[in-house]
Amino acid sequence: MNILNALINLSKRDTYKIDELYEGNNRINNVGDALEYFIKDGFINEEVSSNEQRDKKYSEAFSYLGNSSNPPDFMLRGGDAFEVKKGKTHYL
């Protein structure tokens, strides 16, 4: 899997809605975690219905899934490392 394939997979989605996560007390971190899952799902090219399915697909695609204290957020098997950040959107 590579970055271009992930971008194509994400562009073909029916919706770009990012589900909110409710794990933890920090709302900003929860938004970042939800965005990270959205991006990682683009690399596995599937929307998964359970955490078990997601974990299995992630273990096949990624060599490292990060932790809250150390970057990167995830690394592709035999490929690039990623740090996902949410930025402000400015409208004209």
PDB file of N, CA and C in Angstrom:
ATOM      1  N   MET A   1       0.851  -1.181   0.000  1.00  0.00           N
ATOM      2  CA  MET A   1       0.000   0.000   0.000  1.00  0.00           C
ATOM      3  C   MET A   1       0.886   1.231   0.000  1.00  0.00           C
ATOM      4  N   ASN A   2       0.467   2.249  -0.718  1.00  0.00           N
ATOM      5  CA  ASN A   2       1.223   3.497  -0.698  1.00  0.00           C
ATOM      6  C   ASN A   2       0.292   4.686  -0.493  1.00  0.00           C
ATOM      7  N   ILE A   3       0.884   5.841  -0.387  1.00  0.00           N
ATOM      8  CA  ILE A   3       0.138   7.059  -0.057  1.00  0.00           C
ATOM      9  C   ILE A   3      -0.869   7.408  -1.147  1.00  0.00           C
ATOM     10  N   LEU A   4      -0.474   7.288  -2.403  1.00  0.00           N
ATOM     11  CA  LEU A   4      -1.398   7.626  -3.495  1.00  0.00           C
ATOM     12  C   LEU A   4      -2.621   6.716  -3.486  1.00  0.00           C
ATOM     13  N   ASN A   5      -2.426   5.429  -3.244  1.00  0.00           N
ATOM     14  CA  ASN A   5      -3.574   4.511  -3.165  1.00  0.00           C
ATOM     15  C   ASN A   5      -4.494   4.898  -2.015  1.00  0.00           C
ATOM     16  N   ALA A   6      -3.924   5.265  -0.887  1.00  0.00           N
ATOM     17  CA  ALA A   6      -4.743   5.670   0.267  1.00  0.00           C
ATOM     18  C   ALA A   6      -5.560   6.914  -0.065  1.00  0.00           C
ATOM     19  N   LEU A   7      -4.953   7.891  -0.726  1.00  0.00           N
ATOM     20  CA  LEU A   7      -5.688   9.101  -1.110  1.00  0.00           C
ATOM     21  C   LEU A   7      -6.815   8.784  -2.082  1.00  0.00           C
ATOM     22  N   ILE A   8      -6.550   7.890  -3.026  1.00  0.00           N
ATOM     23  CA  ILE A   8      -7.599   7.478  -3.964  1.00  0.00           C
ATOM     24  C   ILE A   8      -8.724   6.776  -3.209  1.00  0.00           C
ATOM     25  N   ASN A   9      -8.378   5.879  -2.290  1.00  0.00           N
ATOM     26  CA  ASN A   9      -9.396   5.179  -1.498  1.00  0.00           C
ATOM     27  C   ASN A   9     -10.246   6.160  -0.711  1.00  0.00           C
ATOM     28  N   LEU A  10      -9.607   7.154  -0.085  1.00  0.00           N
ATOM     29  CA  LEU A  10     -10.357   8.134   0.700  1.00  0.00           C
ATOM     30  C   LEU A  10     -11.243   8.991  -0.198  1.00  0.00           C
ATOM     31  N   SER A  11     -10.775   9.312  -1.414  1.00  0.00           N
ATOM     32  CA  SER A  11     -11.568  10.158  -2.309  1.00  0.00           C
ATOM     33  C   SER A  11     -12.805   9.443  -2.841  1.00  0.00           C
ATOM     34  N   LYS A  12     -12.802   8.115  -2.829  1.00  0.00           N
ATOM     35  CA  LYS A  12     -13.929   7.336  -3.336  1.00  0.00           C
ATOM     36  C   LYS A  12     -15.006   7.073  -2.286  1.00  0.00           C
ATOM     37  N   ARG A  13     -14.789   7.532  -1.079  1.00  0.00           N
ATOM     38  CA  ARG A  13     -15.769   7.284  -0.020  1.00  0.00           C
ATOM     39  C   ARG A  13     -17.072   8.026  -0.296  1.00  0.00           C
ATOM     40  N   ASP A  14     -18.158   7.433   0.179  1.00  0.00           N
ATOM     41  CA  ASP A  14     -19.469   8.073   0.037  1.00  0.00           C
ATOM     42  C   ASP A  14     -19.606   9.277   0.950  1.00  0.00           C
ATOM     43  N   THR A  15     -18.930   9.234   2.079  1.00  0.00           N
ATOM     44  CA  THR A  15     -19.007  10.326   3.042  1.00  0.00           C
ATOM     45  C   THR A  15     -17.630  10.595   3.619  1.00  0.00           C
ATOM     46  N   TYR A  16     -17.426  11.835   4.003  1.00  0.00           N
ATOM     47  CA  TYR A  16     -16.168  12.207   4.644  1.00  0.00           C
ATOM     48  C   TYR A  16     -16.391  12.517   6.116  1.00  0.00           C
ATOM     49  N   LYS A  17     -17.524  12.075   6.630  1.00  0.00           N
ATOM     50  CA  LYS A  17     -17.832  12.302   8.034  1.00  0.00           C
ATOM     51  C   LYS A  17     -16.873  11.475   8.894  1.00  0.00           C
ATOM     52  N   ILE A  18     -16.276  12.147   9.847  1.00  0.00           N
ATOM     53  CA  ILE A  18     -15.363  11.474  10.763  1.00  0.00           C
ATOM     54  C   ILE A  18     -16.103  11.264  12.074  1.00  0.00           C
ATOM     55  N   ASP A  19     -16.258  10.004  12.440  1.00  0.00           N
ATOM     56  CA  ASP A  19     -16.970   9.674  13.664  1.00  0.00           C
ATOM     57  C   ASP A  19     -16.231  10.200  14.873  1.00  0.00           C
ATOM     58  N   GLU A  20     -16.984  10.649  15.862  1.00  0.00           N
ATOM     59  CA  GLU A  20     -16.375  11.101  17.105  1.00  0.00           C
ATOM     60  C   GLU A  20     -16.057   9.902  17.978  1.00  0.00           C
ATOM     61  N   LEU A  21     -14.956   9.993  18.682  1.00  0.00           N
ATOM     62  CA  LEU A  21     -14.575   8.957  19.632  1.00  0.00           C
ATOM     63  C   LEU A  21     -14.788   9.483  21.039  1.00  0.00           C
ATOM     64  N   TYR A  22     -15.143   8.629  21.929  1.00  0.00           N
ATOM     65  CA  TYR A  22     -15.387   9.035  23.304  1.00  0.00           C
ATOM     66  C   TYR A  22     -14.493   8.243  24.247  1.00  0.00           C
ATOM     67  N   GLU A  23     -13.212   8.188  23.928  1.00  0.00           N
ATOM     68  CA  GLU A  23     -12.250   7.480  24.760  1.00  0.00           C
ATOM     69  C   GLU A  23     -11.381   8.509  25.463  1.00  0.00           C
ATOM     70  N   GLY A  24     -11.613   8.799  26.684  1.00  0.00           N
ATOM     71  CA  GLY A  24     -10.750   9.729  27.388  1.00  0.00           C
ATOM     72  C   GLY A  24     -11.423  11.053  27.659  1.00  0.00           C
ATOM     73  N   ASN A  25     -10.715  11.881  28.404  1.00  0.00           N
ATOM     74  CA  ASN A  25     -11.282  13.136  28.879  1.00  0.00           C
ATOM     75  C   ASN A  25     -10.938  14.332  28.011  1.00  0.00           C
ATOM     76  N   ASN A  26      -9.991  14.195  27.105  1.00  0.00           N
ATOM     77  CA  ASN A  26      -9.536  15.322  26.322  1.00  0.00           C
ATOM     78  C   ASN A  26     -10.218  15.318  24.962  1.00  0.00           C
ATOM     79  N   ARG A  27     -11.133  16.275  24.764  1.00  0.00           N
ATOM     80  CA  ARG A  27     -11.915  16.326  23.532  1.00  0.00           C
ATOM     81  C   ARG A  27     -11.039  16.534  22.302  1.00  0.00           C
ATOM     82  N   ILE A  28     -10.016  17.363  22.400  1.00  0.00           N
ATOM     83  CA  ILE A  28      -9.133  17.624  21.266  1.00  0.00           C
ATOM     84  C   ILE A  28      -8.390  16.352  20.869  1.00  0.00           C
ATOM     85  N   ASN A  29      -7.897  15.612  21.840  1.00  0.00           N
ATOM     86  CA  ASN A  29      -7.232  14.342  21.521  1.00  0.00           C
ATOM     87  C   ASN A  29      -8.194  13.370  20.869  1.00  0.00           C
ATOM     88  N   ASN A  30      -9.452  13.351  21.313  1.00  0.00           N
ATOM     89  CA  ASN A  30     -10.444  12.456  20.729  1.00  0.00           C
ATOM     90  C   ASN A  30     -10.691  12.791  19.264  1.00  0.00           C
ATOM     91  N   VAL A  31     -10.736  14.086  18.924  1.00  0.00           N
ATOM     92  CA  VAL A  31     -10.913  14.497  17.531  1.00  0.00           C
ATOM     93  C   VAL A  31      -9.717  14.038  16.715  1.00  0.00           C
ATOM     94  N   GLY A  32      -8.520  14.198  17.245  1.00  0.00           N
ATOM     95  CA  GLY A  32      -7.313  13.751  16.550  1.00  0.00           C
ATOM     96  C   GLY A  32      -7.299  12.249  16.351  1.00  0.00           C
ATOM     97  N   ASP A  33      -7.734  11.504  17.356  1.00  0.00           N
ATOM     98  CA  ASP A  33      -7.790  10.041  17.240  1.00  0.00           C
ATOM     99  C   ASP A  33      -8.769   9.620  16.156  1.00  0.00           C
ATOM    100  N   ALA A  34      -9.916  10.288  16.079  1.00  0.00           N
ATOM    101  CA  ALA A  34     -10.909   9.955  15.061  1.00  0.00           C
ATOM    102  C   ALA A  34     -10.350  10.223  13.662  1.00  0.00           C
ATOM    103  N   LEU A  35      -9.648  11.331  13.494  1.00  0.00           N
ATOM    104  CA  LEU A  35      -9.029  11.649  12.210  1.00  0.00           C
ATOM    105  C   LEU A  35      -7.960  10.611  11.864  1.00  0.00           C
ATOM    106  N   GLU A  36      -7.200  10.190  12.857  1.00  0.00           N
ATOM    107  CA  GLU A  36      -6.166   9.175  12.635  1.00  0.00           C
ATOM    108  C   GLU A  36      -6.787   7.856  12.159  1.00  0.00           C
ATOM    109  N   TYR A  37      -7.887   7.431  12.781  1.00  0.00           N
ATOM    110  CA  TYR A  37      -8.568   6.207  12.337  1.00  0.00           C
ATOM    111  C   TYR A  37      -9.068   6.358  10.899  1.00  0.00           C
ATOM    112  N   PHE A  38      -9.609   7.521  10.572  1.00  0.00           N
ATOM    113  CA  PHE A  38     -10.110   7.782   9.224  1.00  0.00           C
ATOM    114  C   PHE A  38      -8.985   7.622   8.200  1.00  0.00           C
ATOM    115  N   ILE A  39      -7.832   8.205   8.480  1.00  0.00           N
ATOM    116  CA  ILE A  39      -6.692   8.125   7.566  1.00  0.00           C
ATOM    117  C   ILE A  39      -6.188   6.683   7.463  1.00  0.00           C
ATOM    118  N   LYS A  40      -6.051   6.006   8.599  1.00  0.00           N
ATOM    119  CA  LYS A  40      -5.579   4.619   8.575  1.00  0.00           C
ATOM    120  C   LYS A  40      -6.548   3.727   7.804  1.00  0.00           C
ATOM    121  N   ASP A  41      -7.838   3.974   7.921  1.00  0.00           N
ATOM    122  CA  ASP A  41      -8.826   3.181   7.174  1.00  0.00           C
ATOM    123  C   ASP A  41      -8.645   3.353   5.669  1.00  0.00           C
ATOM    124  N   GLY A  42      -8.153   4.514   5.226  1.00  0.00           N
ATOM    125  CA  GLY A  42      -7.855   4.710   3.814  1.00  0.00           C
ATOM    126  C   GLY A  42      -6.748   3.787   3.328  1.00  0.00           C
ATOM    127  N   PHE A  43      -5.810   3.491   4.198  1.00  0.00           N
ATOM    128  CA  PHE A  43      -4.716   2.600   3.815  1.00  0.00           C
ATOM    129  C   PHE A  43      -5.154   1.146   3.755  1.00  0.00           C
ATOM    130  N   ILE A  44      -6.128   0.754   4.565  1.00  0.00           N
ATOM    131  CA  ILE A  44      -6.569  -0.637   4.502  1.00  0.00           C
ATOM    132  C   ILE A  44      -7.678  -0.818   3.470  1.00  0.00           C
ATOM    133  N   ASN A  45      -8.160   0.298   2.897  1.00  0.00           N
ATOM    134  CA  ASN A  45      -9.140   0.275   1.812  1.00  0.00           C
ATOM    135  C   ASN A  45     -10.438  -0.411   2.187  1.00  0.00           C
ATOM    136  N   GLU A  46     -10.826  -0.297   3.419  1.00  0.00           N
ATOM    137  CA  GLU A  46     -12.076  -0.904   3.857  1.00  0.00           C
ATOM    138  C   GLU A  46     -12.642  -0.126   5.032  1.00  0.00           C
ATOM    139  N   GLU A  47     -13.953  -0.081   5.078  1.00  0.00           N
ATOM    140  CA  GLU A  47     -14.603   0.362   6.288  1.00  0.00           C
ATOM    141  C   GLU A  47     -14.947  -0.905   7.052  1.00  0.00           C
ATOM    142  N   VAL A  48     -14.500  -0.990   8.276  1.00  0.00           N
ATOM    143  CA  VAL A  48     -14.670  -2.218   9.047  1.00  0.00           C
ATOM    144  C   VAL A  48     -15.811  -2.062  10.034  1.00  0.00           C
ATOM    145  N   SER A  49     -16.442  -3.189  10.352  1.00  0.00           N
ATOM    146  CA  SER A  49     -17.624  -3.133  11.202  1.00  0.00           C
ATOM    147  C   SER A  49     -17.322  -3.413  12.666  1.00  0.00           C
ATOM    148  N   SER A  50     -16.148  -3.929  12.964  1.00  0.00           N
ATOM    149  CA  SER A  50     -15.832  -4.209  14.365  1.00  0.00           C
ATOM    150  C   SER A  50     -14.382  -3.855  14.649  1.00  0.00           C
ATOM    151  N   ASN A  51     -14.082  -3.645  15.915  1.00  0.00           N
ATOM    152  CA  ASN A  51     -12.712  -3.348  16.311  1.00  0.00           C
ATOM    153  C   ASN A  51     -11.786  -4.522  16.037  1.00  0.00           C
ATOM    154  N   GLU A  52     -12.305  -5.739  16.148  1.00  0.00           N
ATOM    155  CA  GLU A  52     -11.484  -6.925  15.871  1.00  0.00           C
ATOM    156  C   GLU A  52     -11.058  -6.961  14.410  1.00  0.00           C
ATOM    157  N   GLN A  53     -12.004  -6.670  13.500  1.00  0.00           N
ATOM    158  CA  GLN A  53     -11.676  -6.628  12.068  1.00  0.00           C
ATOM    159  C   GLN A  53     -10.656  -5.528  11.792  1.00  0.00           C
ATOM    160  N   ARG A  54     -10.877  -4.361  12.392  1.00  0.00           N
ATOM    161  CA  ARG A  54      -9.981  -3.222  12.202  1.00  0.00           C
ATOM    162  C   ARG A  54      -8.577  -3.583  12.679  1.00  0.00           C
ATOM    163  N   ASP A  55      -8.469  -4.178  13.862  1.00  0.00           N
ATOM    164  CA  ASP A  55      -7.154  -4.543  14.408  1.00  0.00           C
ATOM    165  C   ASP A  55      -6.433  -5.529  13.497  1.00  0.00           C
ATOM    166  N   LYS A  56      -7.167  -6.495  12.945  1.00  0.00           N
ATOM    167  CA  LYS A  56      -6.567  -7.491  12.049  1.00  0.00           C
ATOM    168  C   LYS A  56      -6.040  -6.815  10.786  1.00  0.00           C
ATOM    169  N   LYS A  57      -6.848  -5.961  10.178  1.00  0.00           N
ATOM    170  CA  LYS A  57      -6.434  -5.261   8.963  1.00  0.00           C
ATOM    171  C   LYS A  57      -5.259  -4.326   9.231  1.00  0.00           C
ATOM    172  N   TYR A  58      -5.299  -3.640  10.379  1.00  0.00           N
ATOM    173  CA  TYR A  58      -4.203  -2.744  10.738  1.00  0.00           C
ATOM    174  C   TYR A  58      -2.902  -3.519  10.922  1.00  0.00           C
ATOM    175  N   SER A  59      -2.960  -4.692  11.554  1.00  0.00           N
ATOM    176  CA  SER A  59      -1.736  -5.465  11.780  1.00  0.00           C
ATOM    177  C   SER A  59      -1.143  -5.956  10.459  1.00  0.00           C
ATOM    178  N   GLU A  60      -1.980  -6.150   9.445  1.00  0.00           N
ATOM    179  CA  GLU A  60      -1.482  -6.550   8.130  1.00  0.00           C
ATOM    180  C   GLU A  60      -0.839  -5.379   7.388  1.00  0.00           C
ATOM    181  N   ALA A  61      -1.374  -4.176   7.563  1.00  0.00           N
ATOM    182  CA  ALA A  61      -0.920  -3.018   6.790  1.00  0.00           C
ATOM    183  C   ALA A  61       0.184  -2.212   7.467  1.00  0.00           C
ATOM    184  N   PHE A  62       0.196  -2.197   8.806  1.00  0.00           N
ATOM    185  CA  PHE A  62       1.102  -1.305   9.532  1.00  0.00           C
ATOM    186  C   PHE A  62       2.105  -2.082  10.375  1.00  0.00           C
ATOM    187  N   SER A  63       3.321  -1.560  10.435  1.00  0.00           N
ATOM    188  CA  SER A  63       4.348  -2.184  11.263  1.00  0.00           C
ATOM    189  C   SER A  63       4.382  -1.560  12.652  1.00  0.00           C
ATOM    190  N   TYR A  64       3.801  -0.368  12.812  1.00  0.00           N
ATOM    191  CA  TYR A  64       3.796   0.342  14.098  1.00  0.00           C
ATOM    192  C   TYR A  64       2.532   1.178  14.168  1.00  0.00           C
ATOM    193  N   LEU A  65       1.847   1.129  15.305  1.00  0.00           N
ATOM    194  CA  LEU A  65       0.605   1.884  15.466  1.00  0.00           C
ATOM    195  C   LEU A  65       0.723   3.006  16.483  1.00  0.00           C
ATOM    196  N   GLY A  66       1.937   3.338  16.883  1.00  0.00           N
ATOM    197  CA  GLY A  66       2.159   4.504  17.727  1.00  0.00           C
ATOM    198  C   GLY A  66       1.608   4.373  19.120  1.00  0.00           C
ATOM    199  N   ASN A  67       1.834   5.435  19.890  1.00  0.00           N
ATOM    200  CA  ASN A  67       1.252   5.576  21.219  1.00  0.00           C
ATOM    201  C   ASN A  67       1.104   7.057  21.509  1.00  0.00           C
ATOM    202  N   SER A  68       0.479   7.388  22.593  1.00  0.00           N
ATOM    203  CA  SER A  68       0.161   8.789  22.866  1.00  0.00           C
ATOM    204  C   SER A  68       1.384   9.627  23.223  1.00  0.00           C
ATOM    205  N   SER A  69       2.493   8.989  23.559  1.00  0.00           N
ATOM    206  CA  SER A  69       3.675   9.730  24.012  1.00  0.00           C
ATOM    207  C   SER A  69       4.749   9.928  22.956  1.00  0.00           C
ATOM    208  N   ASN A  70       4.764   9.066  21.938  1.00  0.00           N
ATOM    209  CA  ASN A  70       5.859   9.110  20.970  1.00  0.00           C
ATOM    210  C   ASN A  70       5.353   9.090  19.541  1.00  0.00           C
ATOM    211  N   PRO A  71       5.883  10.000  18.702  1.00  0.00           N
ATOM    212  CA  PRO A  71       5.561   9.924  17.287  1.00  0.00           C
ATOM    213  C   PRO A  71       6.317   8.773  16.647  1.00  0.00           C
ATOM    214  N   PRO A  72       5.935   8.313  15.503  1.00  0.00           N
ATOM    215  CA  PRO A  72       4.804   8.734  14.682  1.00  0.00           C
ATOM    216  C   PRO A  72       3.514   8.050  15.114  1.00  0.00           C
ATOM    217  N   ASP A  73       2.406   8.466  14.496  1.00  0.00           N
ATOM    218  CA  ASP A  73       1.113   7.856  14.804  1.00  0.00           C
ATOM    219  C   ASP A  73       1.021   6.440  14.251  1.00  0.00           C
ATOM    220  N   PHE A  74       1.584   6.220  13.070  1.00  0.00           N
ATOM    221  CA  PHE A  74       1.612   4.876  12.500  1.00  0.00           C
ATOM    222  C   PHE A  74       2.656   4.807  11.405  1.00  0.00           C
ATOM    223  N   MET A  75       3.075   3.571  11.089  1.00  0.00           N
ATOM    224  CA  MET A  75       4.052   3.329  10.026  1.00  0.00           C
ATOM    225  C   MET A  75       3.541   2.206   9.135  1.00  0.00           C
ATOM    226  N   LEU A  76       3.637   2.426   7.828  1.00  0.00           N
ATOM    227  CA  LEU A  76       3.288   1.371   6.878  1.00  0.00           C
ATOM    228  C   LEU A  76       4.344   0.281   6.931  1.00  0.00           C
ATOM    229  N   ARG A  77       3.917  -0.949   6.742  1.00  0.00           N
ATOM    230  CA  ARG A  77       4.877  -2.054   6.655  1.00  0.00           C
ATOM    231  C   ARG A  77       5.811  -1.805   5.483  1.00  0.00           C
ATOM    232  N   GLY A  78       7.106  -1.704   5.769  1.00  0.00           N
ATOM    233  CA  GLY A  78       8.089  -1.475   4.720  1.00  0.00           C
ATOM    234  C   GLY A  78       7.969  -0.127   4.045  1.00  0.00           C
ATOM    235  N   GLY A  79       7.353   0.845   4.737  1.00  0.00           N
ATOM    236  CA  GLY A  79       7.127   2.128   4.080  1.00  0.00           C
ATOM    237  C   GLY A  79       7.271   3.321   4.997  1.00  0.00           C
ATOM    238  N   ASP A  80       6.434   4.298   4.760  1.00  0.00           N
ATOM    239  CA  ASP A  80       6.521   5.601   5.409  1.00  0.00           C
ATOM    240  C   ASP A  80       5.906   5.627   6.797  1.00  0.00           C
ATOM    241  N   ALA A  81       6.314   6.643   7.560  1.00  0.00           N
ATOM    242  CA  ALA A  81       5.758   6.912   8.881  1.00  0.00           C
ATOM    243  C   ALA A  81       4.869   8.156   8.785  1.00  0.00           C
ATOM    244  N   PHE A  82       3.799   8.200   9.601  1.00  0.00           N
ATOM    245  CA  PHE A  82       2.826   9.283   9.532  1.00  0.00           C
ATOM    246  C   PHE A  82       2.532   9.864  10.909  1.00  0.00           C
ATOM    247  N   GLU A  83       2.417  11.169  10.955  1.00  0.00           N
ATOM    248  CA  GLU A  83       1.966  11.895  12.138  1.00  0.00           C
ATOM    249  C   GLU A  83       0.767  12.704  11.674  1.00  0.00           C
ATOM    250  N   VAL A  84      -0.423  12.357  12.142  1.00  0.00           N
ATOM    251  CA  VAL A  84      -1.669  12.991  11.699  1.00  0.00           C
ATOM    252  C   VAL A  84      -1.969  14.184  12.592  1.00  0.00           C
ATOM    253  N   LYS A  85      -2.223  15.339  11.959  1.00  0.00           N
ATOM    254  CA  LYS A  85      -2.553  16.552  12.698  1.00  0.00           C
ATOM    255  C   LYS A  85      -3.784  17.211  12.098  1.00  0.00           C
ATOM    256  N   LYS A  86      -4.661  17.668  12.964  1.00  0.00           N
ATOM    257  CA  LYS A  86      -5.844  18.404  12.541  1.00  0.00           C
ATOM    258  C   LYS A  86      -5.488  19.887  12.542  1.00  0.00           C
ATOM    259  N   GLY A  87      -5.794  20.565  11.448  1.00  0.00           N
ATOM    260  CA  GLY A  87      -5.525  21.995  11.361  1.00  0.00           C
ATOM    261  C   GLY A  87      -6.810  22.783  11.267  1.00  0.00           C
ATOM    262  N   LYS A  88      -6.686  24.093  11.357  1.00  0.00           N
ATOM    263  CA  LYS A  88      -7.857  24.959  11.214  1.00  0.00           C
ATOM    264  C   LYS A  88      -8.221  25.105   9.754  1.00  0.00           C
ATOM    265  N   THR A  89      -9.503  25.178   9.479  1.00  0.00           N
ATOM    266  CA  THR A  89      -9.994  25.401   8.132  1.00  0.00           C
ATOM    267  C   THR A  89     -10.374  26.867   8.011  1.00  0.00           C
ATOM    268  N   HIS A  90      -9.874  27.506   6.982  1.00  0.00           N
ATOM    269  CA  HIS A  90     -10.195  28.907   6.739  1.00  0.00           C
ATOM    270  C   HIS A  90     -11.026  29.003   5.472  1.00  0.00           C
ATOM    271  N   TYR A  91     -12.150  29.640   5.569  1.00  0.00           N
ATOM    272  CA  TYR A  91     -13.037  29.804   4.421  1.00  0.00           C
ATOM    273  C   TYR A  91     -12.945  31.241   3.919  1.00  0.00           C
ATOM    274  N   LEU A  92     -12.981  31.406   2.610  1.00  0.00           N
ATOM    275  CA  LEU A  92     -12.948  32.754   2.022  1.00  0.00           C
ATOM    276  C   LEU A  92     -14.325  33.249   1.785  1.00  0.00           C
TER     277      LEU A  92
END
